[in-house]
Amino acid sequence: ASKLRSGKSRNICIIVPGIDTKMYGKLYAGLEKELREKEYTIEILCSEGMPGTEAQLLKKALSMKPLAIILVSSLFKNEEAVPQETLIVMVDRYVKGFPENSVFASFDYERAGREIARKCIQDGNTNIALLCENKRFTSNRNFIKGVTETLENEECYCEVLETPASMKFNRAFDILYAADSFDAVITMSREDVENIQTAHSYNSRVELPRLYSVVSRDFGFENSNMYEMDYKLMGKHI
């Protein structure tokens, strides 16, 4: 009631590359449940992973004078002036140029990379592909570091395949038809795993590499090669 009397905004803007990505869908589910219960107004905006689009969406979000903006960014530096009273929460990808009171929230992706790489080694794989998006994104950079350092210490070969989201399905065919067949593929989303499995369905005579991935946590989903992160719980904490 005191906030209503003071005229403070109860708008929360959420900017993500796409809500159809399971991780971001789970993140939104966690945010939405908590915020709706406290009667906040939620505006969700999708950038499709395009920096230019995101810059426009950020401008639009700021025009709503929100209490907070929560974003999974495709930008590397923010150029918009942000009022001190607007809280910025960056998820997984740190962006320069936001106020000092901004918050960065993520999982320990370097640790995840190390643990997935160790499982990969234990399973006897020596020739491994790592499929990821832009290396400059904080979570990607940390994950790559954890994977590559662990594999290199065991003298395993690791090829990092940096690929835009829109080209992931095409890249799946490159992986399957590589001249020197990969024993395993490490990815950073369930969508990447599904792309490789779908590509393999076009020609099942090609051997499917072992697949390891970071995935959002799903009830009833069990696979020892999948490394679960609870993005819904992260949304709740945010």
Protein backbone atom coordinates (compact mmCIF):
# COMPACT_ATOMS: atom_id res chain seq x y z
CA ALA A 1 0.00 0.00 0.00
CA SER A 2 2.83 2.43 0.83
CA LYS A 3 4.37 1.78 -2.61
CA LEU A 4 1.05 2.51 -4.28
CA ARG A 5 0.74 5.78 -2.35
CA SER A 6 4.27 6.78 -3.32
CA GLY A 7 3.47 6.21 -7.00
CA LYS A 8 6.39 3.84 -7.52
CA SER A 9 6.22 1.58 -10.57
CA ARG A 10 5.26 -2.06 -10.17
CA ASN A 11 6.30 -2.95 -13.72
CA ILE A 12 8.92 -5.63 -14.29
CA CYS A 13 10.35 -6.08 -17.81
CA ILE A 14 11.96 -9.35 -18.84
CA ILE A 15 14.10 -9.46 -22.00
CA VAL A 16 15.22 -12.86 -23.33
CA PRO A 17 16.43 -14.13 -26.72
CA GLY A 18 13.35 -16.37 -26.98
CA ILE A 19 10.79 -17.78 -24.57
CA ASP A 20 10.63 -21.05 -26.56
CA THR A 21 14.13 -21.97 -25.32
CA LYS A 22 13.52 -24.32 -22.39
CA MET A 23 16.02 -22.63 -20.06
CA TYR A 24 14.47 -19.20 -20.55
CA GLY A 25 10.96 -20.64 -20.38
CA LYS A 26 11.80 -22.14 -16.99
CA LEU A 27 13.43 -18.89 -15.87
CA TYR A 28 10.26 -16.99 -16.80
CA ALA A 29 8.06 -19.55 -15.03
CA GLY A 30 10.00 -19.01 -11.79
CA LEU A 31 9.88 -15.22 -12.13
CA GLU A 32 6.21 -15.13 -13.14
CA LYS A 33 4.95 -17.21 -10.22
CA GLU A 34 6.65 -15.05 -7.59
CA LEU A 35 5.87 -11.69 -9.22
CA ARG A 36 2.20 -12.43 -9.97
CA GLU A 37 1.63 -13.42 -6.35
CA LYS A 38 2.95 -9.99 -5.29
CA GLU A 39 0.79 -8.27 -7.96
CA TYR A 40 3.60 -6.96 -10.15
CA THR A 41 2.92 -6.26 -13.81
CA ILE A 42 5.17 -8.30 -16.10
CA GLU A 43 6.17 -7.37 -19.65
CA ILE A 44 8.16 -10.02 -21.53
CA LEU A 45 10.13 -9.01 -24.63
CA CYS A 46 12.01 -11.35 -27.02
CA SER A 47 15.12 -10.13 -28.84
CA GLU A 48 15.64 -13.28 -31.00
CA GLY A 49 19.30 -12.95 -30.01
CA MET A 50 19.71 -9.85 -32.21
CA PRO A 51 21.74 -7.04 -30.54
CA GLY A 52 20.01 -4.31 -32.60
CA THR A 53 16.56 -5.62 -31.66
CA GLU A 54 17.57 -5.90 -28.02
CA ALA A 55 18.80 -2.29 -27.93
CA GLN A 56 15.37 -1.18 -29.19
CA LEU A 57 13.58 -3.40 -26.67
CA LEU A 58 15.72 -2.04 -23.83
CA LYS A 59 14.75 1.50 -24.85
CA LYS A 60 11.10 0.43 -24.91
CA ALA A 61 11.42 -1.22 -21.50
CA LEU A 62 12.98 1.89 -19.95
CA SER A 63 10.15 4.04 -21.34
CA MET A 64 7.77 2.02 -19.11
CA LYS A 65 9.72 3.25 -16.06
CA PRO A 66 9.97 -0.28 -14.63
CA LEU A 67 11.02 -1.16 -11.12
CA ALA A 68 13.41 -3.71 -12.62
CA ILE A 69 14.61 -5.12 -15.94
CA ILE A 70 15.71 -8.75 -16.01
CA LEU A 71 17.60 -9.72 -19.14
CA VAL A 72 19.49 -12.51 -20.86
CA SER A 73 21.43 -10.20 -23.11
CA SER A 74 22.94 -10.46 -26.57
CA LEU A 75 24.72 -7.13 -26.07
CA PHE A 76 28.27 -6.68 -24.82
CA LYS A 77 27.87 -3.03 -23.79
CA ASN A 78 24.82 -0.98 -22.90
CA GLU A 79 24.50 2.50 -24.42
CA GLU A 80 21.19 3.52 -22.78
CA ALA A 81 20.98 5.76 -19.71
CA VAL A 82 19.40 3.78 -16.88
CA PRO A 83 17.83 5.58 -13.88
CA GLN A 84 19.42 4.61 -10.56
CA GLU A 85 16.04 3.50 -9.22
CA THR A 86 15.68 0.88 -11.98
CA LEU A 87 17.28 -2.40 -10.94
CA ILE A 88 19.05 -4.27 -13.73
CA VAL A 89 19.46 -8.04 -13.31
CA MET A 90 21.72 -9.69 -15.90
CA VAL A 91 21.28 -13.47 -16.22
CA ASP A 92 24.22 -15.60 -17.46
CA ARG A 93 25.70 -12.81 -19.62
CA TYR A 94 27.40 -9.82 -18.04
CA VAL A 95 26.97 -6.54 -19.92
CA LYS A 96 29.15 -3.46 -19.45
CA GLY A 97 27.63 0.00 -19.11
CA PHE A 98 24.88 -0.65 -16.57
CA PRO A 99 24.74 1.13 -13.16
CA GLU A 100 26.96 -0.15 -10.35
CA ASN A 101 23.98 -1.43 -8.37
CA SER A 102 23.11 -3.88 -11.18
CA VAL A 103 23.05 -7.59 -10.33
CA PHE A 104 24.63 -10.50 -12.22
CA ALA A 105 23.00 -13.92 -11.66
CA SER A 106 24.26 -17.20 -13.07
CA PHE A 107 25.23 -20.76 -12.29
CA ASP A 108 28.86 -21.87 -11.97
CA TYR A 109 29.35 -22.70 -15.64
CA GLU A 110 33.08 -23.29 -15.30
CA ARG A 111 32.43 -25.99 -12.71
CA ALA A 112 29.70 -27.46 -14.94
CA GLY A 113 32.18 -27.59 -17.82
CA ARG A 114 34.78 -29.37 -15.68
CA GLU A 115 32.31 -31.94 -14.38
CA ILE A 116 30.82 -32.70 -17.79
CA ALA A 117 34.34 -33.03 -19.26
CA ARG A 118 35.35 -35.46 -16.50
CA LYS A 119 32.27 -37.61 -17.22
CA CYS A 120 33.19 -37.50 -20.90
CA ILE A 121 36.72 -38.72 -20.10
CA GLN A 122 35.43 -41.47 -17.78
CA ASP A 123 33.31 -42.78 -20.67
CA GLY A 124 36.45 -43.19 -22.79
CA ASN A 125 35.97 -40.32 -25.24
CA THR A 126 39.11 -38.72 -26.70
CA ASN A 127 37.89 -36.75 -29.73
CA ILE A 128 35.23 -34.26 -28.62
CA ALA A 129 33.27 -31.40 -30.18
CA LEU A 130 32.04 -28.54 -28.02
CA LEU A 131 29.05 -26.75 -29.56
CA CYS A 132 28.30 -23.27 -28.20
CA GLU A 133 27.21 -19.76 -29.12
CA ASN A 134 29.38 -16.62 -28.91
CA LYS A 135 32.47 -17.15 -26.74
CA ARG A 136 32.16 -13.59 -25.45
CA PHE A 137 29.00 -14.39 -23.47
CA THR A 138 30.03 -14.88 -19.84
CA SER A 139 28.42 -18.29 -19.27
CA ASN A 140 29.79 -19.60 -22.58
CA ARG A 141 33.30 -18.35 -21.88
CA ASN A 142 33.34 -19.94 -18.42
CA PHE A 143 31.90 -23.21 -19.69
CA ILE A 144 34.44 -23.44 -22.52
CA LYS A 145 37.25 -22.79 -20.04
CA GLY A 146 36.08 -25.58 -17.73
CA VAL A 147 35.66 -28.09 -20.57
CA THR A 148 38.81 -27.37 -22.56
CA GLU A 149 41.20 -27.14 -19.61
CA THR A 150 39.94 -30.44 -18.19
CA LEU A 151 40.15 -32.26 -21.53
CA GLU A 152 43.56 -30.84 -22.37
CA ASN A 153 44.94 -32.00 -19.03
CA GLU A 154 43.98 -35.55 -20.07
CA GLU A 155 45.41 -35.04 -23.57
CA CYS A 156 41.99 -35.28 -25.22
CA TYR A 157 41.27 -33.36 -28.43
CA CYS A 158 38.51 -30.75 -28.18
CA GLU A 159 37.20 -28.69 -31.11
CA VAL A 160 35.17 -25.64 -30.06
CA LEU A 161 32.42 -24.96 -32.61
CA GLU A 162 31.19 -21.41 -32.06
CA THR A 163 27.83 -21.19 -33.86
CA PRO A 164 24.95 -18.65 -33.88
CA ALA A 165 21.65 -20.07 -32.61
CA SER A 166 20.10 -19.79 -36.08
CA MET A 167 22.81 -22.06 -37.55
CA LYS A 168 22.84 -24.78 -34.87
CA PHE A 169 20.79 -27.28 -36.90
CA ASN A 170 23.10 -26.92 -39.92
CA ARG A 171 26.11 -27.34 -37.66
CA ALA A 172 24.65 -30.62 -36.38
CA PHE A 173 25.16 -32.14 -39.85
CA ASP A 174 28.77 -30.87 -39.94
CA ILE A 175 29.39 -32.65 -36.64
CA LEU A 176 27.87 -35.93 -37.80
CA TYR A 177 29.73 -35.95 -41.13
CA ALA A 178 33.11 -34.73 -39.88
CA ALA A 179 36.04 -36.38 -41.66
CA ASP A 180 37.49 -37.44 -38.30
CA SER A 181 34.42 -38.72 -36.44
CA PHE A 182 33.79 -37.29 -33.00
CA ASP A 183 33.41 -39.71 -30.07
CA ALA A 184 31.25 -37.21 -28.20
CA VAL A 185 29.59 -33.81 -28.43
CA ILE A 186 29.22 -31.44 -25.50
CA THR A 187 26.51 -28.79 -25.86
CA MET A 188 24.94 -26.04 -23.74
CA SER A 189 21.22 -26.66 -24.22
CA ARG A 190 18.65 -29.39 -24.73
CA GLU A 191 17.77 -27.79 -28.07
CA ASP A 192 21.32 -28.50 -29.28
CA VAL A 193 20.98 -32.16 -28.28
CA GLU A 194 17.64 -32.41 -30.08
CA ASN A 195 19.12 -30.79 -33.22
CA ILE A 196 21.87 -33.41 -33.36
CA GLN A 197 19.42 -36.25 -32.76
CA THR A 198 17.10 -34.93 -35.48
CA ALA A 199 19.98 -34.54 -37.94
CA HIS A 200 21.01 -38.13 -37.18
CA SER A 201 17.48 -39.37 -37.95
CA TYR A 202 18.03 -38.39 -41.61
CA ASN A 203 20.80 -40.97 -41.90
CA SER A 204 20.93 -43.48 -39.05
CA ARG A 205 23.84 -45.32 -40.74
CA VAL A 206 26.11 -42.56 -39.43
CA GLU A 207 27.18 -43.33 -35.87
CA LEU A 208 25.67 -40.94 -33.33
CA PRO A 209 28.35 -39.56 -30.96
CA ARG A 210 27.69 -39.65 -27.22
CA LEU A 211 25.85 -36.46 -26.25
CA TYR A 212 26.51 -34.45 -23.09
CA SER A 213 24.79 -31.20 -22.24
CA VAL A 214 23.73 -28.59 -19.74
CA VAL A 215 19.91 -28.69 -19.56
CA SER A 216 17.17 -26.96 -17.59
CA ARG A 217 15.79 -29.18 -14.86
CA ASP A 218 12.63 -31.10 -15.82
CA PHE A 219 10.56 -33.33 -13.59
CA GLY A 220 10.87 -36.95 -14.64
CA PHE A 221 13.80 -36.37 -17.02
CA GLU A 222 16.77 -38.58 -16.18
CA ASN A 223 19.92 -39.01 -18.21
CA SER A 224 23.37 -39.36 -16.67
CA ASN A 225 24.94 -37.38 -19.53
CA MET A 226 22.68 -34.36 -18.95
CA TYR A 227 23.80 -31.78 -16.37
CA GLU A 228 20.71 -30.21 -14.84
CA MET A 229 20.47 -26.56 -13.77
CA ASP A 230 17.28 -25.35 -12.09
CA TYR A 231 16.45 -22.16 -13.99
CA LYS A 232 12.95 -22.06 -12.51
CA LEU A 233 14.47 -21.87 -9.02
CA MET A 234 16.86 -19.16 -10.25
CA GLY A 235 13.84 -17.16 -11.42
CA LYS A 236 12.25 -17.56 -8.00
CA HIS A 237 15.40 -16.30 -6.25
CA ILE A 238 15.70 -13.31 -8.63
